[in-house]
Amino acid sequence: MAVKTTDAKETVDALVVLESFVGRIGDEDRTFREGDLIRVTDPAVKKWPALFGPARFTHDRIEQATAAPGEKR
């Protein structure tokens, strides 16, 4: 299952934890830290949907490591 984002072509298979919390799923205690990523298929998302939100990824420009021919660094 994927979550639709504002862009109709883009889907995300992960959500972000909005605030830290501890919860029990079955007989397992689990710790969720704010900012951690979690799969949309995780049972915690179904149990506490308000505590997760869409993950936002930014694509920063990466500097070229070496000079191109004719360039000086």
Protein backbone atom coordinates (compact mmCIF):
# COMPACT_ATOMS: atom_id res chain seq x y z
CA MET A 1 0.00 0.00 0.00
CA ALA A 2 1.40 3.40 -0.90
CA VAL A 3 0.36 6.84 0.23
CA LYS A 4 -0.53 9.38 -2.45
CA THR A 5 1.18 12.74 -2.11
CA THR A 6 0.08 16.08 -3.49
CA ASP A 7 1.67 15.16 -6.82
CA ALA A 8 -0.62 12.58 -8.48
CA LYS A 9 2.37 10.74 -9.99
CA GLU A 10 4.29 10.41 -6.72
CA THR A 11 3.65 7.75 -4.08
CA VAL A 12 5.52 7.17 -0.84
CA ASP A 13 6.00 3.83 0.93
CA ALA A 14 7.15 5.48 4.16
CA LEU A 15 5.70 7.82 6.74
CA VAL A 16 7.44 9.90 9.39
CA VAL A 17 6.76 9.74 13.13
CA LEU A 18 5.31 13.13 14.09
CA GLU A 19 6.07 12.91 17.84
CA SER A 20 7.93 10.37 19.97
CA PHE A 21 5.84 7.74 21.75
CA VAL A 22 5.86 4.18 23.07
CA GLY A 23 3.07 1.78 22.24
CA ARG A 24 2.16 -1.88 22.47
CA ILE A 25 1.29 -3.94 19.42
CA GLY A 26 0.27 -7.44 20.40
CA ASP A 27 2.69 -8.42 23.17
CA GLU A 28 5.52 -6.19 21.91
CA ASP A 29 6.37 -2.73 23.28
CA ARG A 30 7.68 -0.47 20.53
CA THR A 31 9.39 2.91 20.69
CA PHE A 32 8.84 5.47 17.94
CA ARG A 33 11.06 8.57 17.80
CA GLU A 34 10.04 11.82 16.16
CA GLY A 35 11.44 11.98 12.64
CA ASP A 36 11.95 8.22 12.23
CA LEU A 37 10.64 6.66 9.03
CA ILE A 38 8.18 3.78 9.12
CA ARG A 39 6.56 1.74 6.35
CA VAL A 40 2.93 2.51 5.60
CA THR A 41 2.19 -1.22 6.04
CA ASP A 42 3.41 -1.26 9.68
CA PRO A 43 0.58 -2.20 12.09
CA ALA A 44 1.38 0.90 14.18
CA VAL A 45 0.17 3.12 11.33
CA LYS A 46 -3.23 1.45 11.39
CA LYS A 47 -3.45 1.57 15.21
CA TRP A 48 -2.27 5.21 15.64
CA PRO A 49 -2.70 6.95 12.25
CA ALA A 50 -2.70 10.47 13.74
CA LEU A 51 0.89 10.01 14.97
CA PHE A 52 2.34 9.56 11.47
CA GLY A 53 2.54 11.89 8.50
CA PRO A 54 3.91 11.98 4.97
CA ALA A 55 7.67 11.87 4.68
CA ARG A 56 9.16 14.88 2.91
CA PHE A 57 12.37 14.33 1.00
CA THR A 58 14.38 17.16 -0.49
CA HIS A 59 16.87 16.77 -3.26
CA ASP A 60 19.80 19.04 -2.56
CA ARG A 61 22.31 19.82 -5.24
CA ILE A 62 25.46 17.70 -4.88
CA GLU A 63 28.75 19.36 -5.61
CA GLN A 64 30.94 17.74 -8.22
CA ALA A 65 33.98 16.17 -6.51
CA THR A 66 36.53 16.80 -9.26
CA ALA A 67 37.17 19.59 -11.70
CA ALA A 68 35.96 19.13 -15.26
CA PRO A 69 38.50 19.50 -18.06
CA GLY A 70 39.67 23.11 -18.18
CA GLU A 71 38.28 23.97 -14.73
CA LYS A 72 40.39 24.93 -11.74
CA ARG A 73 39.51 24.20 -8.16
